[in-house]
Amino acid sequence: MAWESKPGDISLFQAGQKKSEKQPDWRGTVNIDGVDREVAMWNKTTKSGDTFLSGKVGDEAKPKPGIGFTPKKTFTPTEKPKQSFSSDLDDDLPF
């Protein structure tokens, strides 16, 4: 059985090689009221030398192939197409 996030769950994974300081050090998701949202976190240091994480919560997370994220809902068509694909082809084709 695959792991499913529950409201309040946060999952963060260390990001790959950064090409700029604007890119996050950590990426992941947070489940807010049953909706998985994207999270980005940066490693920061205070003036006194203490380290902390700073981050942002973004839009609803979209599935990304190959990283183990499986959407909870899958699309299932409820009705058949009303016309076939071949009816959309141009009759003027020379072949």
PDB file of N, CA and C in Angstrom:
ATOM      1  N   MET A   1       0.840  -1.180   0.000  1.00  0.00           N
ATOM      2  CA  MET A   1       0.000   0.000   0.000  1.00  0.00           C
ATOM      3  C   MET A   1       0.886   1.245   0.000  1.00  0.00           C
ATOM      4  N   ALA A   2       0.584   2.168  -0.885  1.00  0.00           N
ATOM      5  CA  ALA A   2       1.364   3.396  -1.016  1.00  0.00           C
ATOM      6  C   ALA A   2       1.044   4.355   0.129  1.00  0.00           C
ATOM      7  N   TRP A   3       2.026   5.164   0.488  1.00  0.00           N
ATOM      8  CA  TRP A   3       1.858   6.152   1.544  1.00  0.00           C
ATOM      9  C   TRP A   3       0.965   7.261   1.030  1.00  0.00           C
ATOM     10  N   GLU A   4       0.012   7.694   1.835  1.00  0.00           N
ATOM     11  CA  GLU A   4      -0.854   8.820   1.489  1.00  0.00           C
ATOM     12  C   GLU A   4      -0.689   9.907   2.529  1.00  0.00           C
ATOM     13  N   SER A   5      -0.581  11.133   2.067  1.00  0.00           N
ATOM     14  CA  SER A   5      -0.457  12.232   3.020  1.00  0.00           C
ATOM     15  C   SER A   5      -1.817  12.540   3.638  1.00  0.00           C
ATOM     16  N   LYS A   6      -1.781  12.943   4.890  1.00  0.00           N
ATOM     17  CA  LYS A   6      -2.986  13.303   5.637  1.00  0.00           C
ATOM     18  C   LYS A   6      -2.879  14.779   6.002  1.00  0.00           C
ATOM     19  N   PRO A   7      -4.011  15.424   6.294  1.00  0.00           N
ATOM     20  CA  PRO A   7      -3.949  16.847   6.662  1.00  0.00           C
ATOM     21  C   PRO A   7      -2.912  17.109   7.750  1.00  0.00           C
ATOM     22  N   GLY A   8      -2.054  18.083   7.496  1.00  0.00           N
ATOM     23  CA  GLY A   8      -0.992  18.448   8.425  1.00  0.00           C
ATOM     24  C   GLY A   8       0.345  17.812   8.120  1.00  0.00           C
ATOM     25  N   ASP A   9       0.392  16.787   7.263  1.00  0.00           N
ATOM     26  CA  ASP A   9       1.652  16.116   6.920  1.00  0.00           C
ATOM     27  C   ASP A   9       2.524  17.013   6.038  1.00  0.00           C
ATOM     28  N   ILE A  10       3.821  16.991   6.304  1.00  0.00           N
ATOM     29  CA  ILE A  10       4.808  17.715   5.495  1.00  0.00           C
ATOM     30  C   ILE A  10       5.872  16.709   5.072  1.00  0.00           C
ATOM     31  N   SER A  11       6.232  16.725   3.792  1.00  0.00           N
ATOM     32  CA  SER A  11       7.318  15.888   3.277  1.00  0.00           C
ATOM     33  C   SER A  11       8.285  16.787   2.527  1.00  0.00           C
ATOM     34  N   LEU A  12       9.559  16.766   2.932  1.00  0.00           N
ATOM     35  CA  LEU A  12      10.585  17.577   2.271  1.00  0.00           C
ATOM     36  C   LEU A  12      11.727  16.676   1.819  1.00  0.00           C
ATOM     37  N   PHE A  13      12.269  16.981   0.659  1.00  0.00           N
ATOM     38  CA  PHE A  13      13.392  16.243   0.103  1.00  0.00           C
ATOM     39  C   PHE A  13      14.459  17.236  -0.315  1.00  0.00           C
ATOM     40  N   GLN A  14      15.698  16.889  -0.068  1.00  0.00           N
ATOM     41  CA  GLN A  14      16.795  17.778  -0.435  1.00  0.00           C
ATOM     42  C   GLN A  14      16.818  17.945  -1.946  1.00  0.00           C
ATOM     43  N   ALA A  15      16.877  19.190  -2.385  1.00  0.00           N
ATOM     44  CA  ALA A  15      16.902  19.485  -3.818  1.00  0.00           C
ATOM     45  C   ALA A  15      18.264  19.116  -4.388  1.00  0.00           C
ATOM     46  N   GLY A  16      18.330  18.955  -5.672  1.00  0.00           N
ATOM     47  CA  GLY A  16      19.596  18.623  -6.331  1.00  0.00           C
ATOM     48  C   GLY A  16      20.530  19.823  -6.386  1.00  0.00           C
ATOM     49  N   GLN A  17      21.462  19.775  -7.296  1.00  0.00           N
ATOM     50  CA  GLN A  17      22.438  20.856  -7.456  1.00  0.00           C
ATOM     51  C   GLN A  17      21.739  22.175  -7.774  1.00  0.00           C
ATOM     52  N   LYS A  18      22.049  23.200  -6.981  1.00  0.00           N
ATOM     53  CA  LYS A  18      21.484  24.522  -7.206  1.00  0.00           C
ATOM     54  C   LYS A  18      22.305  25.254  -8.252  1.00  0.00           C
ATOM     55  N   LYS A  19      21.613  25.906  -9.188  1.00  0.00           N
ATOM     56  CA  LYS A  19      22.292  26.705 -10.195  1.00  0.00           C
ATOM     57  C   LYS A  19      22.281  28.184  -9.821  1.00  0.00           C
ATOM     58  N   SER A  20      21.437  28.538  -8.835  1.00  0.00           N
ATOM     59  CA  SER A  20      21.421  29.915  -8.325  1.00  0.00           C
ATOM     60  C   SER A  20      20.936  29.888  -6.878  1.00  0.00           C
ATOM     61  N   GLU A  21      21.231  30.951  -6.139  1.00  0.00           N
ATOM     62  CA  GLU A  21      20.823  31.031  -4.737  1.00  0.00           C
ATOM     63  C   GLU A  21      19.312  31.157  -4.589  1.00  0.00           C
ATOM     64  N   LYS A  22      18.628  31.524  -5.669  1.00  0.00           N
ATOM     65  CA  LYS A  22      17.171  31.651  -5.621  1.00  0.00           C
ATOM     66  C   LYS A  22      16.479  30.291  -5.592  1.00  0.00           C
ATOM     67  N   GLN A  23      17.157  29.251  -6.040  1.00  0.00           N
ATOM     68  CA  GLN A  23      16.568  27.920  -6.027  1.00  0.00           C
ATOM     69  C   GLN A  23      16.558  27.371  -4.603  1.00  0.00           C
ATOM     70  N   PRO A  24      15.485  26.640  -4.220  1.00  0.00           N
ATOM     71  CA  PRO A  24      15.399  26.134  -2.849  1.00  0.00           C
ATOM     72  C   PRO A  24      16.381  25.007  -2.569  1.00  0.00           C
ATOM     73  N   ASP A  25      16.729  24.846  -1.279  1.00  0.00           N
ATOM     74  CA  ASP A  25      17.570  23.738  -0.835  1.00  0.00           C
ATOM     75  C   ASP A  25      16.730  22.489  -0.593  1.00  0.00           C
ATOM     76  N   TRP A  26      15.460  22.686  -0.299  1.00  0.00           N
ATOM     77  CA  TRP A  26      14.529  21.600  -0.009  1.00  0.00           C
ATOM     78  C   TRP A  26      13.242  21.827  -0.791  1.00  0.00           C
ATOM     79  N   ARG A  27      12.624  20.729  -1.251  1.00  0.00           N
ATOM     80  CA  ARG A  27      11.337  20.788  -1.955  1.00  0.00           C
ATOM     81  C   ARG A  27      10.445  19.686  -1.405  1.00  0.00           C
ATOM     82  N   GLY A  28       9.154  19.899  -1.504  1.00  0.00           N
ATOM     83  CA  GLY A  28       8.241  18.865  -1.064  1.00  0.00           C
ATOM     84  C   GLY A  28       6.805  19.325  -1.093  1.00  0.00           C
ATOM     85  N   THR A  29       5.990  18.707  -0.218  1.00  0.00           N
ATOM     86  CA  THR A  29       4.578  19.030  -0.167  1.00  0.00           C
ATOM     87  C   THR A  29       4.123  19.150   1.279  1.00  0.00           C
ATOM     88  N   VAL A  30       3.041  19.887   1.464  1.00  0.00           N
ATOM     89  CA  VAL A  30       2.347  19.963   2.746  1.00  0.00           C
ATOM     90  C   VAL A  30       0.867  19.750   2.438  1.00  0.00           C
ATOM     91  N   ASN A  31       0.196  18.968   3.278  1.00  0.00           N
ATOM     92  CA  ASN A  31      -1.222  18.704   3.082  1.00  0.00           C
ATOM     93  C   ASN A  31      -2.002  19.675   3.956  1.00  0.00           C
ATOM     94  N   ILE A  32      -2.726  20.585   3.312  1.00  0.00           N
ATOM     95  CA  ILE A  32      -3.534  21.571   4.018  1.00  0.00           C
ATOM     96  C   ILE A  32      -4.992  21.309   3.666  1.00  0.00           C
ATOM     97  N   ASP A  33      -5.772  20.903   4.659  1.00  0.00           N
ATOM     98  CA  ASP A  33      -7.193  20.609   4.471  1.00  0.00           C
ATOM     99  C   ASP A  33      -7.430  19.609   3.343  1.00  0.00           C
ATOM    100  N   GLY A  34      -6.584  18.596   3.256  1.00  0.00           N
ATOM    101  CA  GLY A  34      -6.759  17.535   2.264  1.00  0.00           C
ATOM    102  C   GLY A  34      -6.187  17.833   0.899  1.00  0.00           C
ATOM    103  N   VAL A  35      -5.546  18.988   0.727  1.00  0.00           N
ATOM    104  CA  VAL A  35      -4.959  19.363  -0.567  1.00  0.00           C
ATOM    105  C   VAL A  35      -3.445  19.423  -0.411  1.00  0.00           C
ATOM    106  N   ASP A  36      -2.718  18.662  -1.250  1.00  0.00           N
ATOM    107  CA  ASP A  36      -1.260  18.710  -1.243  1.00  0.00           C
ATOM    108  C   ASP A  36      -0.799  19.967  -1.964  1.00  0.00           C
ATOM    109  N   ARG A  37       0.002  20.775  -1.275  1.00  0.00           N
ATOM    110  CA  ARG A  37       0.542  22.009  -1.852  1.00  0.00           C
ATOM    111  C   ARG A  37       2.057  21.923  -1.895  1.00  0.00           C
ATOM    112  N   GLU A  38       2.651  22.588  -2.885  1.00  0.00           N
ATOM    113  CA  GLU A  38       4.104  22.590  -3.028  1.00  0.00           C
ATOM    114  C   GLU A  38       4.745  23.412  -1.912  1.00  0.00           C
ATOM    115  N   VAL A  39       5.925  22.956  -1.460  1.00  0.00           N
ATOM    116  CA  VAL A  39       6.688  23.654  -0.428  1.00  0.00           C
ATOM    117  C   VAL A  39       8.119  23.821  -0.941  1.00  0.00           C
ATOM    118  N   ALA A  40       8.697  24.991  -0.709  1.00  0.00           N
ATOM    119  CA  ALA A  40      10.099  25.246  -1.036  1.00  0.00           C
ATOM    120  C   ALA A  40      10.754  25.841   0.213  1.00  0.00           C
ATOM    121  N   MET A  41      11.938  25.307   0.576  1.00  0.00           N
ATOM    122  CA  MET A  41      12.630  25.765   1.788  1.00  0.00           C
ATOM    123  C   MET A  41      14.085  26.091   1.458  1.00  0.00           C
ATOM    124  N   TRP A  42      14.624  27.109   2.143  1.00  0.00           N
ATOM    125  CA  TRP A  42      16.003  27.519   1.978  1.00  0.00           C
ATOM    126  C   TRP A  42      16.730  27.441   3.314  1.00  0.00           C
ATOM    127  N   ASN A  43      17.990  27.001   3.301  1.00  0.00           N
ATOM    128  CA  ASN A  43      18.841  27.036   4.491  1.00  0.00           C
ATOM    129  C   ASN A  43      19.302  28.480   4.666  1.00  0.00           C
ATOM    130  N   LYS A  44      19.113  29.038   5.859  1.00  0.00           N
ATOM    131  CA  LYS A  44      19.489  30.429   6.138  1.00  0.00           C
ATOM    132  C   LYS A  44      20.330  30.491   7.409  1.00  0.00           C
ATOM    133  N   THR A  45      21.041  31.592   7.576  1.00  0.00           N
ATOM    134  CA  THR A  45      21.853  31.828   8.773  1.00  0.00           C
ATOM    135  C   THR A  45      21.570  33.228   9.292  1.00  0.00           C
ATOM    136  N   THR A  46      21.343  33.341  10.606  1.00  0.00           N
ATOM    137  CA  THR A  46      21.108  34.646  11.215  1.00  0.00           C
ATOM    138  C   THR A  46      22.435  35.401  11.350  1.00  0.00           C
ATOM    139  N   LYS A  47      22.366  36.677  11.696  1.00  0.00           N
ATOM    140  CA  LYS A  47      23.574  37.483  11.903  1.00  0.00           C
ATOM    141  C   LYS A  47      24.433  36.912  13.020  1.00  0.00           C
ATOM    142  N   SER A  48      23.794  36.261  13.989  1.00  0.00           N
ATOM    143  CA  SER A  48      24.553  35.684  15.115  1.00  0.00           C
ATOM    144  C   SER A  48      25.091  34.286  14.792  1.00  0.00           C
ATOM    145  N   GLY A  49      24.813  33.765  13.585  1.00  0.00           N
ATOM    146  CA  GLY A  49      25.363  32.477  13.171  1.00  0.00           C
ATOM    147  C   GLY A  49      24.444  31.281  13.361  1.00  0.00           C
ATOM    148  N   ASP A  50      23.233  31.501  13.889  1.00  0.00           N
ATOM    149  CA  ASP A  50      22.281  30.399  14.044  1.00  0.00           C
ATOM    150  C   ASP A  50      21.690  30.027  12.682  1.00  0.00           C
ATOM    151  N   THR A  51      21.504  28.741  12.445  1.00  0.00           N
ATOM    152  CA  THR A  51      20.910  28.302  11.183  1.00  0.00           C
ATOM    153  C   THR A  51      19.420  28.027  11.368  1.00  0.00           C
ATOM    154  N   PHE A  52      18.674  28.264  10.288  1.00  0.00           N
ATOM    155  CA  PHE A  52      17.239  28.004  10.298  1.00  0.00           C
ATOM    156  C   PHE A  52      16.767  27.761   8.880  1.00  0.00           C
ATOM    157  N   LEU A  53      15.514  27.322   8.742  1.00  0.00           N
ATOM    158  CA  LEU A  53      14.903  27.131   7.434  1.00  0.00           C
ATOM    159  C   LEU A  53      13.880  28.233   7.198  1.00  0.00           C
ATOM    160  N   SER A  54      13.842  28.745   5.983  1.00  0.00           N
ATOM    161  CA  SER A  54      12.870  29.735   5.571  1.00  0.00           C
ATOM    162  C   SER A  54      12.175  29.175   4.342  1.00  0.00           C
ATOM    163  N   GLY A  55      10.865  29.356   4.238  1.00  0.00           N
ATOM    164  CA  GLY A  55      10.204  28.734   3.098  1.00  0.00           C
ATOM    165  C   GLY A  55       8.923  29.390   2.672  1.00  0.00           C
ATOM    166  N   LYS A  56       8.349  28.792   1.627  1.00  0.00           N
ATOM    167  CA  LYS A  56       7.099  29.255   1.047  1.00  0.00           C
ATOM    168  C   LYS A  56       6.224  28.062   0.724  1.00  0.00           C
ATOM    169  N   VAL A  57       4.914  28.263   0.850  1.00  0.00           N
ATOM    170  CA  VAL A  57       3.921  27.284   0.427  1.00  0.00           C
ATOM    171  C   VAL A  57       3.307  27.829  -0.848  1.00  0.00           C
ATOM    172  N   GLY A  58       3.256  26.995  -1.871  1.00  0.00           N
ATOM    173  CA  GLY A  58       2.772  27.448  -3.161  1.00  0.00           C
ATOM    174  C   GLY A  58       1.439  26.828  -3.552  1.00  0.00           C
ATOM    175  N   ASP A  59       1.263  26.660  -4.845  1.00  0.00           N
ATOM    176  CA  ASP A  59       0.031  26.143  -5.423  1.00  0.00           C
ATOM    177  C   ASP A  59      -0.139  24.658  -5.160  1.00  0.00           C
ATOM    178  N   GLU A  60      -1.275  24.134  -5.568  1.00  0.00           N
ATOM    179  CA  GLU A  60      -1.548  22.708  -5.448  1.00  0.00           C
ATOM    180  C   GLU A  60      -0.477  21.925  -6.186  1.00  0.00           C
ATOM    181  N   ALA A  61       0.038  20.885  -5.530  1.00  0.00           N
ATOM    182  CA  ALA A  61       1.113  20.077  -6.109  1.00  0.00           C
ATOM    183  C   ALA A  61       0.604  19.284  -7.299  1.00  0.00           C
ATOM    184  N   LYS A  62       1.370  19.276  -8.361  1.00  0.00           N
ATOM    185  CA  LYS A  62       1.076  18.485  -9.554  1.00  0.00           C
ATOM    186  C   LYS A  62       1.980  17.257  -9.551  1.00  0.00           C
ATOM    187  N   PRO A  63       1.480  16.129 -10.028  1.00  0.00           N
ATOM    188  CA  PRO A  63       2.337  14.937 -10.051  1.00  0.00           C
ATOM    189  C   PRO A  63       3.550  15.133 -10.941  1.00  0.00           C
ATOM    190  N   LYS A  64       4.703  14.681 -10.476  1.00  0.00           N
ATOM    191  CA  LYS A  64       5.941  14.766 -11.249  1.00  0.00           C
ATOM    192  C   LYS A  64       6.431  13.343 -11.472  1.00  0.00           C
ATOM    193  N   PRO A  65       6.579  12.952 -12.725  1.00  0.00           N
ATOM    194  CA  PRO A  65       6.983  11.572 -13.004  1.00  0.00           C
ATOM    195  C   PRO A  65       8.336  11.235 -12.397  1.00  0.00           C
ATOM    196  N   GLY A  66       8.426  10.052 -11.822  1.00  0.00           N
ATOM    197  CA  GLY A  66       9.705   9.536 -11.359  1.00  0.00           C
ATOM    198  C   GLY A  66      10.101   9.906  -9.953  1.00  0.00           C
ATOM    199  N   ILE A  67       9.275  10.659  -9.197  1.00  0.00           N
ATOM    200  CA  ILE A  67       9.689  10.979  -7.840  1.00  0.00           C
ATOM    201  C   ILE A  67       8.771  10.357  -6.792  1.00  0.00           C
ATOM    202  N   GLY A  68       7.914   9.439  -7.202  1.00  0.00           N
ATOM    203  CA  GLY A  68       7.108   8.711  -6.250  1.00  0.00           C
ATOM    204  C   GLY A  68       5.832   9.404  -5.824  1.00  0.00           C
ATOM    205  N   PHE A  69       5.470  10.510  -6.446  1.00  0.00           N
ATOM    206  CA  PHE A  69       4.240  11.202  -6.101  1.00  0.00           C
ATOM    207  C   PHE A  69       3.105  10.593  -6.899  1.00  0.00           C
ATOM    208  N   THR A  70       2.075  10.118  -6.234  1.00  0.00           N
ATOM    209  CA  THR A  70       0.922   9.537  -6.899  1.00  0.00           C
ATOM    210  C   THR A  70      -0.313  10.335  -6.523  1.00  0.00           C
ATOM    211  N   PRO A  71      -0.996  10.907  -7.515  1.00  0.00           N
ATOM    212  CA  PRO A  71      -2.180  11.683  -7.178  1.00  0.00           C
ATOM    213  C   PRO A  71      -3.261  10.785  -6.590  1.00  0.00           C
ATOM    214  N   LYS A  72      -4.084  11.348  -5.689  1.00  0.00           N
ATOM    215  CA  LYS A  72      -5.149  10.581  -5.056  1.00  0.00           C
ATOM    216  C   LYS A  72      -6.279  10.287  -6.033  1.00  0.00           C
ATOM    217  N   LYS A  73      -6.543  11.210  -6.936  1.00  0.00           N
ATOM    218  CA  LYS A  73      -7.636  11.038  -7.886  1.00  0.00           C
ATOM    219  C   LYS A  73      -7.072  10.697  -9.252  1.00  0.00           C
ATOM    220  N   THR A  74      -7.740   9.809  -9.950  1.00  0.00           N
ATOM    221  CA  THR A  74      -7.353   9.494 -11.315  1.00  0.00           C
ATOM    222  C   THR A  74      -8.505   9.864 -12.230  1.00  0.00           C
ATOM    223  N   PHE A  75      -8.196  10.271 -13.439  1.00  0.00           N
ATOM    224  CA  PHE A  75      -9.206  10.665 -14.407  1.00  0.00           C
ATOM    225  C   PHE A  75      -9.797   9.432 -15.065  1.00  0.00           C
ATOM    226  N   THR A  76     -11.111   9.346 -15.026  1.00  0.00           N
ATOM    227  CA  THR A  76     -11.821   8.267 -15.705  1.00  0.00           C
ATOM    228  C   THR A  76     -12.917   8.910 -16.541  1.00  0.00           C
ATOM    229  N   PRO A  77     -12.873   8.727 -17.875  1.00  0.00           N
ATOM    230  CA  PRO A  77     -13.919   9.336 -18.701  1.00  0.00           C
ATOM    231  C   PRO A  77     -15.277   8.737 -18.349  1.00  0.00           C
ATOM    232  N   THR A  78     -16.310   9.575 -18.325  1.00  0.00           N
ATOM    233  CA  THR A  78     -17.639   9.105 -17.976  1.00  0.00           C
ATOM    234  C   THR A  78     -18.502   8.817 -19.194  1.00  0.00           C
ATOM    235  N   GLU A  79     -18.114   9.350 -20.341  1.00  0.00           N
ATOM    236  CA  GLU A  79     -18.875   9.048 -21.546  1.00  0.00           C
ATOM    237  C   GLU A  79     -17.939   8.931 -22.739  1.00  0.00           C
ATOM    238  N   LYS A  80     -18.406   8.255 -23.762  1.00  0.00           N
ATOM    239  CA  LYS A  80     -17.597   8.052 -24.962  1.00  0.00           C
ATOM    240  C   LYS A  80     -17.595   9.319 -25.807  1.00  0.00           C
ATOM    241  N   PRO A  81     -16.542   9.522 -26.618  1.00  0.00           N
ATOM    242  CA  PRO A  81     -16.518  10.682 -27.515  1.00  0.00           C
ATOM    243  C   PRO A  81     -17.711  10.652 -28.467  1.00  0.00           C
ATOM    244  N   LYS A  82     -18.241  11.819 -28.814  1.00  0.00           N
ATOM    245  CA  LYS A  82     -19.416  11.886 -29.678  1.00  0.00           C
ATOM    246  C   LYS A  82     -19.078  11.703 -31.142  1.00  0.00           C
ATOM    247  N   GLN A  83     -17.836  11.948 -31.522  1.00  0.00           N
ATOM    248  CA  GLN A  83     -17.428  11.741 -32.915  1.00  0.00           C
ATOM    249  C   GLN A  83     -16.053  11.110 -32.939  1.00  0.00           C
ATOM    250  N   SER A  84     -15.775  10.453 -34.030  1.00  0.00           N
ATOM    251  CA  SER A  84     -14.488   9.784 -34.117  1.00  0.00           C
ATOM    252  C   SER A  84     -13.412  10.756 -34.575  1.00  0.00           C
ATOM    253  N   PHE A  85     -12.163  10.396 -34.314  1.00  0.00           N
ATOM    254  CA  PHE A  85     -11.019  11.214 -34.708  1.00  0.00           C
ATOM    255  C   PHE A  85     -10.965  11.371 -36.222  1.00  0.00           C
ATOM    256  N   SER A  86     -11.302  10.329 -36.957  1.00  0.00           N
ATOM    257  CA  SER A  86     -11.193  10.367 -38.415  1.00  0.00           C
ATOM    258  C   SER A  86     -12.117  11.414 -39.030  1.00  0.00           C
ATOM    259  N   SER A  87     -13.194  11.791 -38.366  1.00  0.00           N
ATOM    260  CA  SER A  87     -14.083  12.807 -38.926  1.00  0.00           C
ATOM    261  C   SER A  87     -13.448  14.193 -38.893  1.00  0.00           C
ATOM    262  N   ASP A  88     -12.370  14.356 -38.110  1.00  0.00           N
ATOM    263  CA  ASP A  88     -11.688  15.642 -38.033  1.00  0.00           C
ATOM    264  C   ASP A  88     -10.637  15.809 -39.138  1.00  0.00           C
ATOM    265  N   LEU A  89     -10.338  14.743 -39.876  1.00  0.00           N
ATOM    266  CA  LEU A  89      -9.300  14.820 -40.909  1.00  0.00           C
ATOM    267  C   LEU A  89      -9.816  15.570 -42.124  1.00  0.00           C
ATOM    268  N   ASP A  90      -8.898  16.269 -42.761  1.00  0.00           N
ATOM    269  CA  ASP A  90      -9.226  17.037 -43.966  1.00  0.00           C
ATOM    270  C   ASP A  90      -9.368  16.102 -45.157  1.00  0.00           C
ATOM    271  N   ASP A  91     -10.473  16.186 -45.888  1.00  0.00           N
ATOM    272  CA  ASP A  91     -10.705  15.318 -47.052  1.00  0.00           C
ATOM    273  C   ASP A  91      -9.821  15.663 -48.228  1.00  0.00           C
ATOM    274  N   ASP A  92      -9.151  16.800 -48.233  1.00  0.00           N
ATOM    275  CA  ASP A  92      -8.323  17.222 -49.351  1.00  0.00           C
ATOM    276  C   ASP A  92      -6.916  16.646 -49.321  1.00  0.00           C
ATOM    277  N   LEU A  93      -6.614  15.757 -48.400  1.00  0.00           N
ATOM    278  CA  LEU A  93      -5.280  15.179 -48.335  1.00  0.00           C
ATOM    279  C   LEU A  93      -5.005  14.329 -49.574  1.00  0.00           C
ATOM    280  N   PRO A  94      -3.828  14.448 -50.215  1.00  0.00           N
ATOM    281  CA  PRO A  94      -3.546  13.739 -51.455  1.00  0.00           C
ATOM    282  C   PRO A  94      -3.218  12.255 -51.272  1.00  0.00           C
ATOM    283  N   PHE A  95      -3.238  11.723 -50.110  1.00  0.00           N
ATOM    284  CA  PHE A  95      -2.898  10.315 -49.907  1.00  0.00           C
ATOM    285  C   PHE A  95      -3.935   9.603 -49.090  1.00  0.00           C
TER     286      PHE A  95
END
